[in-house]
Amino acid sequence: MADNPTTGATAGPIPAPPRHTRLGWAVAGLLLAMAAGAAFIGFDRAHESAEQARKAEAAAKAARELLDKARLESGKLAEQLAAARKALADEQRRIADLEAAREHEQAEFREAETKRWTEAIEAANRQASLAAVEKRKALFNEGAALTSLSNLALKQGSPGDAVKLALAAWPRAGDADRPALLVTFEALAAALPQLHQRKLLAGHTHKVWSLSPSPDGERLVTASLDATARIWDVATGAELAVLKGHGGEVWSAVFSPDGSRILTASSDKTARIWNAATGAEIKVLTGHQDVVFSAVFSPDGLQVITASWDQTARLWDAQSGAELAVLRHAEKVWSAAFSPDGARAITGAADNTARIWDTKSGSELVALRGHERWVTRVLFAPDGTRVLTASEDNTARLWDASTGSLYAILSGHVRALRDAAYSPDGTRIATASFDKAARVWSAQTGAELAELEGHDDIVRSIVFSPDGKRILTASEDGTARLWDATSGAQLLVLGAHTGPVLSAVFLPDGIHVATASEDKTARVWDVSSPEIGDPIAVACSYLGNDTDLSQLRTRFGLGDVVPICGSNAPLPVEQTKLE
């Protein structure tokens, strides 16, 4: 029984249904059976589905369990991964820290090394600088020492050695640290001209005032304030004879035209004639009352004329010594000369005049007036038609030798004239002055042609070379100088003397010159090839290539020596800075 779903009362027994109802029931039963079968089938199927569901659920559960497990594992892995990542990050940080520490350590090391090397380099540079300073100081001292030795060699009369030593002190291309010392250059400049010196004539004990060559050029005679004259062999420099006898300074000494005799003039008021071969005294020319300042032979050697401070010049017979004539001035007579033919003589005096005389009669032919001060030098032109006078009034004058007419006044000097000379062909005149200059003039017009500038003191004497192409001057600046007679260019400085050079002459060969000095010596020089240019190149051109100092090692106590010219030649002066 079933509860009434509407009232909830319990129902009574169910009556039997009708047939058609039973059929319906059968059908319903069939249907129910079919439904039941279907339901059974569906149940089976549902059971099967349920089983499958259970299996699926179980699988799902297992899957969930696996998923949960996987999730758990994944969580663990995530934790492990995180831990690994953390460990990796920590390791990376540690590595970074280590790398930073290493970098810092390396930086500190590099800084320390850099500082150490910098300090080492600076210390090395300081040492190198000190070494360079010490080396330069040593080279400077070595240069100074070699320069001193050069000066010593020069004083000892060895100009070649002096030049070598000066060159050894000079810098070379491979020796750039060696300083170019001014004192070394000065030593070289002092020694170089002396390479031209051939002979030193030493023996006088006082100033050598003048000198003169023999006609053949083989001998020289010197006049000295030591009261002697001396004869020298030009080739050897040997003293051949001492002419003793004067009682005062000997101012001049000359050979006779044939070279057999010598004539001297002295403060002892005499002139004397000597045998040039033996030095024996032949004649004493007495009569003057004061210093006899100059004396010369006539061109034929038969007469002598003397100039004296006793206001006279005198003519003498050169053979007998007899006095022939007294030629009077109003003041000291400084100079006298014969005409080329010997028929006339000219004298110059402190009375501001020059006078021309007849040498046979001794009569005055003409007086040359016009100078305002002393006439210190007189001479005839080579052809005898004119005369030249030089004066302390700063001028030289050209006169007609026959009439005494004035041709020209040579004006330009600003101080007194001391000497004058004609060129051998008579076309030019040279003058020497206290104004430290010499000048060249036209003998025809009196026009100035050239000024010879270079001396630092009074120019004492002047002379043309035998060919007229060069001029030689002597100066109180201690030098003699060679000049081009046309251009006035200075060719050579002869600077070996240690005192004023008072006189200089050409020897007849034109190759050699001789000088006389207050340093008590005379010197003979070779001026055949004066060199002009850089002193270093000039020095090496004289010495030749690969010149060394080996021969000087023992003499001066030198150490190792090297060639000083050739491939290792010293630098030119223009490439150095003197200090």
Protein backbone atom coordinates (compact mmCIF):
# COMPACT_ATOMS: atom_id res chain seq x y z
CA MET A 1 0.00 0.00 0.00
CA ALA A 2 0.94 3.42 -0.62
CA ASP A 3 0.24 6.58 1.07
CA ASN A 4 -2.19 8.91 -0.66
CA PRO A 5 -0.11 11.62 -1.83
CA THR A 6 -3.04 14.03 -1.41
CA THR A 7 -4.67 13.08 1.90
CA GLY A 8 -2.06 10.95 3.42
CA ALA A 9 -4.82 8.17 4.30
CA THR A 10 -4.06 4.52 3.77
CA ALA A 11 -5.79 2.92 0.63
CA GLY A 12 -7.86 -0.39 0.60
CA PRO A 13 -7.37 -3.58 -1.65
CA ILE A 14 -7.33 -2.98 -5.30
CA PRO A 15 -10.19 -4.63 -7.31
CA ALA A 16 -9.45 -6.87 -10.37
CA PRO A 17 -9.32 -4.79 -13.40
CA PRO A 18 -11.31 -5.42 -16.53
CA ARG A 19 -10.01 -7.54 -19.51
CA HIS A 20 -9.10 -4.69 -21.52
CA THR A 21 -7.48 -3.40 -18.51
CA ARG A 22 -5.64 -6.66 -18.16
CA LEU A 23 -4.56 -6.42 -21.71
CA GLY A 24 -3.50 -3.02 -20.99
CA TRP A 25 -1.80 -4.34 -18.05
CA ALA A 26 -0.17 -7.01 -20.08
CA VAL A 27 0.92 -4.49 -22.53
CA ALA A 28 1.92 -2.37 -19.68
CA GLY A 29 3.64 -5.38 -18.15
CA LEU A 30 5.27 -6.12 -21.44
CA LEU A 31 6.12 -2.58 -21.69
CA LEU A 32 7.10 -2.69 -18.10
CA ALA A 33 9.16 -5.78 -18.72
CA MET A 34 10.59 -4.18 -21.68
CA ALA A 35 11.08 -1.15 -19.61
CA ALA A 36 12.46 -3.28 -16.85
CA GLY A 37 14.69 -5.02 -19.36
CA ALA A 38 15.53 -1.75 -20.73
CA ALA A 39 15.94 -0.52 -17.24
CA PHE A 40 17.99 -3.60 -16.43
CA ILE A 41 19.92 -3.06 -19.51
CA GLY A 42 20.06 0.58 -18.58
CA PHE A 43 20.94 -0.50 -15.10
CA ASP A 44 23.62 -2.72 -16.42
CA ARG A 45 24.63 0.03 -18.54
CA ALA A 46 24.29 2.42 -15.67
CA HIS A 47 26.16 -0.04 -13.53
CA GLU A 48 28.71 -0.34 -16.21
CA SER A 49 28.69 3.41 -16.50
CA ALA A 50 28.86 3.67 -12.78
CA GLU A 51 31.72 1.26 -12.82
CA GLN A 52 33.30 3.19 -15.52
CA ALA A 53 32.49 6.28 -13.55
CA ARG A 54 34.01 4.68 -10.51
CA LYS A 55 36.99 3.72 -12.58
CA ALA A 56 37.03 7.12 -14.09
CA GLU A 57 36.67 8.59 -10.64
CA ALA A 58 39.34 6.29 -9.40
CA ALA A 59 41.45 7.25 -12.38
CA ALA A 60 40.57 10.84 -11.76
CA LYS A 61 41.37 10.33 -8.14
CA ALA A 62 44.57 8.65 -9.10
CA ALA A 63 45.11 11.43 -11.55
CA ARG A 64 44.30 13.91 -8.86
CA GLU A 65 46.59 12.07 -6.52
CA LEU A 66 49.21 12.05 -9.23
CA LEU A 67 48.42 15.68 -9.93
CA ASP A 68 48.57 16.44 -6.25
CA LYS A 69 51.75 14.43 -6.08
CA ALA A 70 52.96 16.19 -9.18
CA ARG A 71 51.91 19.43 -7.65
CA LEU A 72 53.68 18.44 -4.49
CA GLU A 73 56.67 17.42 -6.51
CA SER A 74 56.29 20.54 -8.58
CA GLY A 75 56.18 22.54 -5.39
CA LYS A 76 59.21 20.76 -4.15
CA LEU A 77 60.85 21.32 -7.52
CA ALA A 78 59.76 24.93 -7.40
CA GLU A 79 61.20 25.17 -3.94
CA GLN A 80 64.31 23.42 -5.16
CA LEU A 81 64.36 25.68 -8.20
CA ALA A 82 63.88 28.71 -6.02
CA ALA A 83 66.53 27.38 -3.70
CA ALA A 84 68.73 26.70 -6.71
CA ARG A 85 67.96 30.11 -8.09
CA LYS A 86 68.70 31.60 -4.72
CA ALA A 87 71.86 29.55 -4.49
CA LEU A 88 72.72 30.60 -8.04
CA ALA A 89 72.00 34.23 -7.19
CA ASP A 90 74.00 33.85 -4.02
CA GLU A 91 76.78 32.21 -6.01
CA GLN A 92 76.56 34.90 -8.63
CA ARG A 93 76.67 37.52 -5.91
CA ARG A 94 79.59 35.70 -4.34
CA ILE A 95 81.28 35.45 -7.71
CA ALA A 96 80.46 39.09 -8.39
CA ASP A 97 81.82 39.96 -4.98
CA LEU A 98 84.89 37.86 -5.70
CA GLU A 99 85.19 39.41 -9.16
CA ALA A 100 84.75 42.86 -7.65
CA ALA A 101 87.27 41.98 -4.98
CA ARG A 102 89.57 40.62 -7.66
CA GLU A 103 89.04 43.71 -9.79
CA HIS A 104 89.64 45.88 -6.76
CA GLU A 105 92.67 43.84 -5.87
CA GLN A 106 93.86 44.01 -9.46
CA ALA A 107 93.16 47.74 -9.56
CA GLU A 108 95.06 48.18 -6.34
CA PHE A 109 97.80 45.97 -7.76
CA ARG A 110 97.80 47.89 -11.02
CA GLU A 111 97.80 51.16 -9.13
CA ALA A 112 100.56 49.89 -6.87
CA GLU A 113 102.51 48.57 -9.87
CA THR A 114 101.87 51.75 -11.81
CA LYS A 115 103.01 53.77 -8.85
CA ARG A 116 106.01 51.50 -8.38
CA TRP A 117 106.93 51.65 -12.07
CA THR A 118 106.20 55.35 -12.20
CA GLU A 119 108.45 55.89 -9.22
CA ALA A 120 111.01 53.56 -10.78
CA ILE A 121 110.79 55.39 -14.11
CA GLU A 122 110.96 58.75 -12.38
CA ALA A 123 113.91 57.51 -10.36
CA ALA A 124 115.49 56.17 -13.55
CA ASN A 125 114.76 59.46 -15.30
CA ARG A 126 116.27 61.33 -12.38
CA GLN A 127 119.26 59.05 -12.53
CA ALA A 128 119.43 59.45 -16.30
CA SER A 129 119.08 63.20 -15.92
CA LEU A 130 121.76 63.25 -13.25
CA ALA A 131 123.86 60.96 -15.42
CA ALA A 132 123.28 63.26 -18.40
CA VAL A 133 124.20 66.25 -16.26
CA GLU A 134 127.27 64.44 -14.99
CA LYS A 135 128.14 63.31 -18.51
CA ARG A 136 127.68 66.82 -19.85
CA LYS A 137 129.71 68.16 -16.94
CA ALA A 138 132.40 65.59 -17.66
CA LEU A 139 132.33 66.46 -21.37
CA PHE A 140 132.42 70.15 -20.48
CA ASN A 141 135.42 69.57 -18.21
CA GLU A 142 137.05 67.37 -20.83
CA GLY A 143 136.47 70.05 -23.46
CA ALA A 144 137.85 72.70 -21.14
CA ALA A 145 140.88 70.52 -20.40
CA LEU A 146 141.52 69.84 -24.09
CA THR A 147 141.10 73.55 -24.75
CA SER A 148 143.68 74.34 -22.07
CA LEU A 149 146.01 71.81 -23.68
CA SER A 150 145.35 73.45 -27.04
CA ASN A 151 146.35 76.82 -25.60
CA LEU A 152 149.41 75.22 -24.03
CA ALA A 153 150.44 73.63 -27.32
CA LEU A 154 150.00 76.99 -28.98
CA LYS A 155 152.25 78.67 -26.42
CA GLN A 156 154.80 75.91 -26.99
CA GLY A 157 154.85 76.78 -30.69
CA SER A 158 152.88 73.76 -31.94
CA PRO A 159 149.86 75.18 -33.79
CA GLY A 160 149.11 71.87 -35.50
CA ASP A 161 148.80 70.12 -32.15
CA ALA A 162 146.80 73.05 -30.82
CA VAL A 163 144.31 72.69 -33.68
CA LYS A 164 144.04 68.92 -33.12
CA LEU A 165 143.34 69.37 -29.43
CA ALA A 166 140.75 72.06 -30.08
CA LEU A 167 139.02 69.84 -32.64
CA ALA A 168 139.04 66.93 -30.18
CA ALA A 169 137.05 69.10 -27.78
CA TRP A 170 134.47 70.02 -30.44
CA PRO A 171 131.12 68.12 -30.81
CA ARG A 172 130.53 65.63 -33.60
CA ALA A 173 127.39 64.21 -35.19
CA GLY A 174 127.62 61.11 -33.00
CA ASP A 175 128.48 63.09 -29.89
CA ALA A 176 125.52 65.44 -29.59
CA ASP A 177 125.86 65.77 -25.80
CA ARG A 178 129.26 67.39 -26.08
CA PRO A 179 128.87 71.15 -25.57
CA ALA A 180 130.36 73.56 -28.09
CA LEU A 181 132.48 75.73 -25.83
CA LEU A 182 133.17 79.31 -26.77
CA VAL A 183 136.65 79.00 -25.27
CA THR A 184 137.30 76.01 -27.53
CA PHE A 185 136.22 77.95 -30.59
CA GLU A 186 138.43 80.83 -29.47
CA ALA A 187 141.34 78.40 -28.99
CA LEU A 188 140.74 76.99 -32.48
CA ALA A 189 140.45 80.48 -33.92
CA ALA A 190 143.74 81.39 -32.24
CA ALA A 191 145.52 78.22 -33.37
CA LEU A 192 144.18 77.93 -36.90
CA PRO A 193 145.99 80.95 -38.36
CA GLN A 194 149.22 79.66 -36.87
CA LEU A 195 149.07 76.66 -39.16
CA HIS A 196 150.40 79.21 -41.62
CA GLN A 197 153.35 79.92 -39.34
CA ARG A 198 156.50 78.31 -40.61
CA LYS A 199 159.22 79.69 -38.35
CA LEU A 200 159.43 81.43 -35.01
CA LEU A 201 162.48 83.68 -34.81
CA ALA A 202 163.21 84.04 -31.10
CA GLY A 203 166.36 85.54 -29.62
CA HIS A 204 165.81 89.25 -29.13
CA THR A 205 165.37 90.47 -25.56
CA HIS A 206 163.22 93.50 -26.37
CA LYS A 207 160.67 94.64 -28.94
CA VAL A 208 161.42 93.77 -32.56
CA TRP A 209 160.67 97.10 -34.24
CA SER A 210 161.20 96.30 -37.90
CA LEU A 211 162.50 93.67 -40.31
CA SER A 212 163.56 93.34 -43.92
CA PRO A 213 164.17 90.40 -46.31
CA SER A 214 167.27 89.89 -48.37
CA PRO A 215 166.82 90.39 -52.15
CA ASP A 216 166.81 86.62 -52.70
CA GLY A 217 164.37 86.05 -49.80
CA GLU A 218 166.61 83.51 -48.10
CA ARG A 219 167.42 85.69 -45.08
CA LEU A 220 165.75 88.19 -42.81
CA VAL A 221 167.27 90.95 -40.74
CA THR A 222 165.44 92.20 -37.64
CA ALA A 223 165.96 95.44 -35.73
CA SER A 224 165.25 95.45 -32.01
CA LEU A 225 165.11 97.83 -29.10
CA ASP A 226 167.60 95.47 -27.38
CA ALA A 227 170.33 97.39 -29.31
CA THR A 228 170.96 94.55 -31.75
CA ALA A 229 170.00 93.50 -35.23
CA ARG A 230 169.92 89.80 -36.10
CA ILE A 231 170.18 87.84 -39.32
CA TRP A 232 168.00 84.73 -39.74
CA ASP A 233 167.78 81.85 -42.18
CA VAL A 234 164.22 81.90 -43.54
CA ALA A 235 164.11 78.19 -44.38
CA THR A 236 165.35 76.88 -41.04
CA GLY A 237 164.61 79.76 -38.68
CA ALA A 238 168.20 79.57 -37.47
CA GLU A 239 169.90 82.70 -36.17
CA LEU A 240 172.87 83.32 -38.46
CA ALA A 241 174.41 86.38 -36.80
CA VAL A 242 173.87 88.99 -34.10
CA LEU A 243 174.88 92.49 -35.11
CA LYS A 244 176.24 93.98 -31.89
CA GLY A 245 177.79 97.39 -31.57
CA HIS A 246 175.02 99.94 -31.24
CA GLY A 247 174.69 101.67 -27.92
CA GLY A 248 170.92 102.18 -28.12
CA GLU A 249 167.72 100.92 -29.69
CA VAL A 250 167.98 99.76 -33.30
CA TRP A 251 165.00 101.17 -35.21
CA SER A 252 165.62 99.90 -38.71
CA ALA A 253 167.72 97.33 -40.55
CA VAL A 254 167.79 96.72 -44.30
CA PHE A 255 169.82 94.72 -46.84
CA SER A 256 171.75 96.38 -49.61
CA PRO A 257 170.34 95.84 -53.12
CA ASP A 258 172.88 93.08 -53.78
CA GLY A 259 172.28 91.47 -50.36
CA SER A 260 175.94 91.67 -49.31
CA ARG A 261 175.55 94.34 -46.63
CA ILE A 262 173.13 95.42 -43.94
CA LEU A 263 172.41 98.99 -42.84
CA THR A 264 171.09 99.77 -39.35
CA ALA A 265 169.84 102.96 -37.65
CA SER A 266 169.97 103.50 -33.91
CA SER A 267 169.17 105.74 -30.98
CA ASP A 268 172.92 105.94 -30.36
CA LYS A 269 173.00 108.66 -33.10
CA THR A 270 174.73 106.39 -35.61
CA ALA A 271 173.97 104.23 -38.59
CA ARG A 272 176.17 101.21 -39.26
CA ILE A 273 177.00 99.02 -42.22
CA TRP A 274 177.58 95.29 -41.65
CA ASN A 275 178.79 92.31 -43.62
CA ALA A 276 175.59 90.31 -44.28
CA ALA A 277 177.49 87.03 -44.53
CA THR A 278 179.56 87.25 -41.37
CA GLY A 279 177.78 89.88 -39.28
CA ALA A 280 181.00 91.86 -38.99
CA GLU A 281 180.75 95.62 -38.66
CA ILE A 282 182.11 97.42 -41.75
CA LYS A 283 181.40 101.12 -41.22
CA VAL A 284 179.99 103.41 -38.53
CA LEU A 285 178.25 106.50 -39.94
CA THR A 286 178.74 109.19 -37.30
CA GLY A 287 177.70 112.81 -37.39
CA HIS A 288 174.06 112.94 -36.25
CA GLN A 289 173.34 114.62 -32.92
CA ASP A 290 170.19 112.66 -32.02
CA VAL A 291 168.34 109.43 -32.73
CA VAL A 292 168.80 108.05 -36.24
CA PHE A 293 165.32 106.70 -36.89
CA SER A 294 165.70 105.26 -40.39
CA ALA A 295 168.35 104.53 -42.99
CA VAL A 296 168.19 103.10 -46.52
CA PHE A 297 170.52 102.24 -49.40
CA SER A 298 170.23 103.90 -52.78
CA PRO A 299 168.99 101.62 -55.59
CA ASP A 300 172.56 101.08 -56.79
CA GLY A 301 173.84 100.50 -53.26
CA LEU A 302 176.42 103.27 -53.52
CA GLN A 303 174.81 105.76 -51.19
CA VAL A 304 172.98 105.77 -47.88
CA ILE A 305 170.45 108.28 -46.58
CA THR A 306 169.67 108.58 -42.87
CA ALA A 307 166.79 110.39 -41.14
CA SER A 308 167.42 111.77 -37.67
CA TRP A 309 165.62 113.53 -34.85
CA ASP A 310 168.43 116.13 -34.97
CA GLN A 311 166.36 117.87 -37.72
CA THR A 312 168.58 116.56 -40.51
CA ALA A 313 168.83 113.81 -43.04
CA ARG A 314 172.28 112.94 -44.30
CA LEU A 315 173.74 111.40 -47.42
CA TRP A 316 176.68 109.03 -47.07
CA ASP A 317 179.07 107.15 -49.28
CA ALA A 318 178.14 103.51 -48.71
CA GLN A 319 181.66 102.28 -49.47
CA SER A 320 183.81 104.67 -47.45
CA GLY A 321 181.24 105.80 -44.89
CA ALA A 322 182.01 109.42 -45.67
CA GLU A 323 179.29 111.99 -45.10
CA LEU A 324 178.27 113.57 -48.46
CA ALA A 325 175.56 116.09 -47.52
CA VAL A 326 173.42 117.37 -44.68
CA LEU A 327 169.75 117.86 -45.61
CA ARG A 328 168.15 120.20 -43.10
CA HIS A 329 164.61 120.49 -41.75
CA ALA A 330 163.26 122.60 -38.90
CA GLU A 331 162.09 119.58 -36.84
CA LYS A 332 162.72 115.86 -36.41
CA VAL A 333 163.14 113.97 -39.65
CA TRP A 334 161.05 110.77 -39.61
CA SER A 335 161.43 109.30 -43.07
CA ALA A 336 163.71 109.36 -46.11
CA ALA A 337 163.73 107.55 -49.45
CA PHE A 338 165.57 107.51 -52.79
CA SER A 339 163.96 107.92 -56.20
CA PRO A 340 164.01 104.78 -58.39
CA ASP A 341 167.04 106.11 -60.29
CA GLY A 342 168.78 107.29 -57.12
CA ALA A 343 169.22 110.84 -58.46
CA ARG A 344 166.89 112.34 -55.90
CA ALA A 345 165.90 111.78 -52.32
CA ILE A 346 162.82 112.79 -50.35
CA THR A 347 162.56 113.47 -46.63
CA GLY A 348 159.57 113.96 -44.33
CA ALA A 349 159.72 115.80 -41.01
CA ALA A 350 157.87 117.04 -37.96
CA ASP A 351 157.97 120.55 -39.46
CA ASN A 352 154.93 119.44 -41.54
CA THR A 353 156.94 119.44 -44.78
CA ALA A 354 158.51 117.01 -47.18
CA ARG A 355 161.48 118.02 -49.28
CA ILE A 356 163.07 116.65 -52.45
CA TRP A 357 166.85 116.78 -52.78
CA ASP A 358 169.52 116.28 -55.43
CA THR A 359 171.63 113.37 -54.23
CA LYS A 360 174.78 114.49 -56.02
CA SER A 361 174.89 118.04 -54.74
CA GLY A 362 172.70 117.70 -51.67
CA SER A 363 170.75 120.78 -52.77
CA GLU A 364 167.04 121.14 -52.08
CA LEU A 365 164.98 120.88 -55.27
CA VAL A 366 161.49 121.50 -53.94
CA ALA A 367 159.65 121.79 -50.64
CA LEU A 368 156.23 120.17 -50.36
CA ARG A 369 154.07 122.28 -48.07
CA GLY A 370 150.44 121.73 -47.16
CA HIS A 371 150.31 119.16 -44.41
CA GLU A 372 149.13 120.48 -41.08
CA ARG A 373 151.06 118.05 -38.89
CA TRP A 374 154.13 115.81 -38.98
CA VAL A 375 154.99 114.05 -42.21
CA THR A 376 155.71 110.49 -41.08
CA ARG A 377 156.23 108.61 -44.36
CA VAL A 378 157.57 109.64 -47.77
CA LEU A 379 158.23 107.66 -50.94
CA PHE A 380 158.56 107.97 -54.70
CA ALA A 381 156.17 106.35 -57.18
CA PRO A 382 157.70 103.35 -58.99
CA ASP A 383 158.21 105.50 -62.10
CA GLY A 384 159.64 108.40 -60.11
CA THR A 385 157.24 111.01 -61.47
CA ARG A 386 155.25 111.49 -58.30
CA VAL A 387 155.84 111.35 -54.59
CA LEU A 388 153.53 110.28 -51.78
CA THR A 389 153.50 111.75 -48.29
CA ALA A 390 151.60 110.50 -45.24
CA SER A 391 150.93 112.72 -42.28
CA GLU A 392 149.57 112.91 -38.77
CA ASP A 393 146.99 115.37 -40.13
CA ASN A 394 144.94 112.27 -41.16
CA THR A 395 145.74 112.65 -44.87
CA ALA A 396 148.10 111.42 -47.53
CA ARG A 397 149.01 113.64 -50.47
CA LEU A 398 150.18 113.09 -54.03
CA TRP A 399 152.68 115.53 -55.50
CA ASP A 400 154.50 116.09 -58.77
CA ALA A 401 158.09 115.00 -58.10
CA SER A 402 159.56 117.68 -60.36
CA THR A 403 157.46 120.76 -59.62
CA GLY A 404 156.04 119.93 -56.21
CA SER A 405 152.52 120.58 -57.47
CA LEU A 406 149.79 118.92 -55.43
CA TYR A 407 147.83 116.31 -57.39
CA ALA A 408 145.43 114.99 -54.78
CA ILE A 409 144.66 114.87 -51.08
CA LEU A 410 143.69 111.38 -49.90
CA SER A 411 141.08 112.17 -47.24
CA GLY A 412 139.07 109.56 -45.32
CA HIS A 413 141.08 108.54 -42.31
CA VAL A 414 140.03 110.08 -39.00
CA ARG A 415 143.36 109.74 -37.21
CA ALA A 416 147.04 110.03 -37.97
CA LEU A 417 148.59 108.04 -40.81
CA ARG A 418 151.52 105.86 -39.84
CA ASP A 419 152.52 104.22 -43.13
CA ALA A 420 151.82 104.23 -46.88
CA ALA A 421 152.81 102.12 -49.87
CA TYR A 422 152.65 102.09 -53.66
CA SER A 423 151.52 99.01 -55.60
CA PRO A 424 154.35 97.57 -57.74
CA ASP A 425 152.73 98.92 -60.93
CA GLY A 426 152.18 102.33 -59.35
CA THR A 427 148.42 102.43 -60.01
CA ARG A 428 147.27 102.16 -56.41
CA ILE A 429 148.24 103.47 -52.99
CA ALA A 430 147.60 101.92 -49.59
CA THR A 431 147.59 103.81 -46.29
CA ALA A 432 147.68 102.67 -42.65
CA SER A 433 146.26 104.73 -39.81
CA PHE A 434 145.84 105.08 -36.08
CA ASP A 435 142.06 104.85 -36.76
CA LYS A 436 142.45 101.03 -36.95
CA ALA A 437 141.78 101.00 -40.70
CA ALA A 438 143.73 100.81 -43.92
CA ARG A 439 142.55 102.23 -47.23
CA VAL A 440 143.30 101.70 -50.91
CA TRP A 441 143.33 104.65 -53.31
CA SER A 442 143.74 105.34 -57.01
CA ALA A 443 147.23 106.72 -57.62
CA GLN A 444 145.93 108.61 -60.66
CA THR A 445 142.91 110.37 -59.17
CA GLY A 446 143.29 109.96 -55.41
CA ALA A 447 139.82 108.38 -55.22
CA GLU A 448 139.26 105.85 -52.44
CA LEU A 449 138.88 102.33 -53.83
CA ALA A 450 138.48 100.19 -50.71
CA GLU A 451 138.54 100.32 -46.94
CA LEU A 452 140.27 97.48 -45.08
CA GLU A 453 138.34 97.07 -41.84
CA GLY A 454 139.02 94.39 -39.24
CA HIS A 455 141.89 95.45 -37.02
CA ASP A 456 141.06 96.37 -33.43
CA ASP A 457 143.93 98.79 -32.87
CA ILE A 458 146.43 101.04 -34.64
CA VAL A 459 147.59 99.81 -38.06
CA ARG A 460 151.37 100.24 -37.95
CA SER A 461 152.55 99.16 -41.38
CA ILE A 462 151.21 98.31 -44.82
CA VAL A 463 152.71 96.77 -47.96
CA PHE A 464 151.59 95.32 -51.31
CA SER A 465 152.53 91.81 -52.41
CA PRO A 466 155.09 91.56 -55.23
CA ASP A 467 152.29 90.90 -57.74
CA GLY A 468 150.13 93.72 -56.32
CA LYS A 469 147.13 91.46 -55.74
CA ARG A 470 147.25 91.39 -51.96
CA ILE A 471 147.99 93.77 -49.11
CA LEU A 472 149.62 92.96 -45.78
CA THR A 473 148.99 95.03 -42.65
CA ALA A 474 150.50 94.94 -39.16
CA SER A 475 148.59 96.17 -36.15
CA GLU A 476 148.93 96.79 -32.46
CA ASP A 477 145.97 94.42 -31.99
CA GLY A 478 148.54 91.61 -32.14
CA THR A 479 147.73 90.48 -35.66
CA ALA A 480 148.90 90.86 -39.20
CA ARG A 481 146.22 90.53 -41.85
CA LEU A 482 146.14 89.65 -45.51
CA TRP A 483 143.66 91.45 -47.78
CA ASP A 484 142.50 91.32 -51.37
CA ALA A 485 143.94 94.51 -52.89
CA THR A 486 141.01 94.95 -55.28
CA SER A 487 137.93 94.15 -53.20
CA GLY A 488 139.36 94.90 -49.78
CA ALA A 489 138.15 91.51 -48.51
CA GLN A 490 140.05 90.07 -45.56
CA LEU A 491 141.76 86.83 -46.57
CA LEU A 492 143.72 85.75 -43.53
CA VAL A 493 144.45 86.73 -39.93
CA LEU A 494 147.92 85.90 -38.61
CA GLY A 495 147.42 85.98 -34.88
CA ALA A 496 150.24 84.08 -33.21
CA HIS A 497 152.04 87.04 -31.67
CA THR A 498 151.38 87.82 -28.02
CA GLY A 499 152.01 91.53 -28.40
CA PRO A 500 151.45 94.34 -30.92
CA VAL A 501 152.73 93.62 -34.42
CA LEU A 502 154.92 96.56 -35.42
CA SER A 503 156.02 95.60 -38.91
CA ALA A 504 155.13 93.12 -41.65
CA VAL A 505 156.74 92.46 -45.03
CA PHE A 506 156.29 90.19 -48.03
CA LEU A 507 159.25 88.05 -49.00
CA PRO A 508 160.20 88.26 -52.68
CA ASP A 509 158.48 84.97 -53.54
CA GLY A 510 155.09 86.44 -52.58
CA ILE A 511 154.31 83.18 -50.79
CA HIS A 512 155.86 84.00 -47.45
CA VAL A 513 155.53 87.00 -45.17
CA ALA A 514 157.38 87.99 -42.04
CA THR A 515 156.19 89.89 -38.99
CA ALA A 516 157.93 91.68 -36.11
CA SER A 517 156.36 92.20 -32.70
CA GLU A 518 156.66 93.72 -29.28
CA ASP A 519 156.63 90.11 -27.98
CA LYS A 520 160.38 90.05 -28.85
CA THR A 521 159.90 87.66 -31.76
CA ALA A 522 159.64 87.68 -35.51
CA ARG A 523 157.73 85.04 -37.42
CA VAL A 524 157.68 83.66 -40.95
CA TRP A 525 154.34 82.61 -42.46
CA ASP A 526 153.17 80.76 -45.54
CA VAL A 527 150.24 82.66 -47.07
CA SER A 528 150.11 80.83 -50.38
CA SER A 529 146.61 79.46 -49.83
CA PRO A 530 144.58 81.45 -47.36
CA GLU A 531 141.44 79.51 -46.51
CA ILE A 532 138.05 81.19 -46.09
CA GLY A 533 135.05 79.38 -44.61
CA ASP A 534 133.96 77.44 -41.58
CA PRO A 535 136.95 77.13 -39.20
CA ILE A 536 136.21 73.44 -38.57
CA ALA A 537 136.28 72.59 -42.27
CA VAL A 538 139.36 74.73 -42.74
CA ALA A 539 141.14 72.96 -39.88
CA CYS A 540 140.33 69.50 -41.21
CA SER A 541 141.34 70.53 -44.72
CA TYR A 542 144.77 71.37 -43.33
CA LEU A 543 145.10 68.31 -41.14
CA GLY A 544 143.62 65.78 -43.57
CA ASN A 545 141.15 62.97 -42.90
CA ASP A 546 141.28 60.54 -39.98
CA THR A 547 143.65 62.73 -38.02
CA ASP A 548 144.08 61.33 -34.53
CA LEU A 549 145.75 62.35 -31.31
CA SER A 550 147.88 59.25 -30.83
CA GLN A 551 151.13 61.19 -31.06
CA LEU A 552 149.89 63.54 -28.37
CA ARG A 553 148.87 60.78 -25.95
CA THR A 554 152.22 60.59 -24.18
CA ARG A 555 152.98 64.29 -24.41
CA PHE A 556 149.75 65.38 -22.76
CA GLY A 557 148.75 62.22 -20.89
CA LEU A 558 145.62 61.65 -22.96
CA GLY A 559 143.48 58.53 -22.65
CA ASP A 560 141.84 56.80 -25.59
CA VAL A 561 141.92 58.82 -28.75
CA VAL A 562 139.68 58.75 -31.81
CA PRO A 563 139.94 60.25 -35.28
CA ILE A 564 138.92 63.89 -35.27
CA CYS A 565 138.33 64.47 -38.98
CA GLY A 566 137.17 62.32 -41.88
CA SER A 567 134.01 60.26 -41.28
CA ASN A 568 133.78 61.48 -37.68
CA ALA A 569 134.42 65.11 -38.52
CA PRO A 570 133.41 67.76 -36.02
CA LEU A 571 130.16 69.61 -36.67
CA PRO A 572 130.38 72.91 -38.52
CA VAL A 573 130.24 75.94 -36.25
CA GLU A 574 126.88 76.98 -37.72
CA GLN A 575 125.33 73.70 -36.52
CA THR A 576 126.35 74.24 -32.91
CA LYS A 577 125.31 76.62 -30.17
CA LEU A 578 128.30 78.12 -28.46
CA GLU A 579 128.13 78.27 -24.67
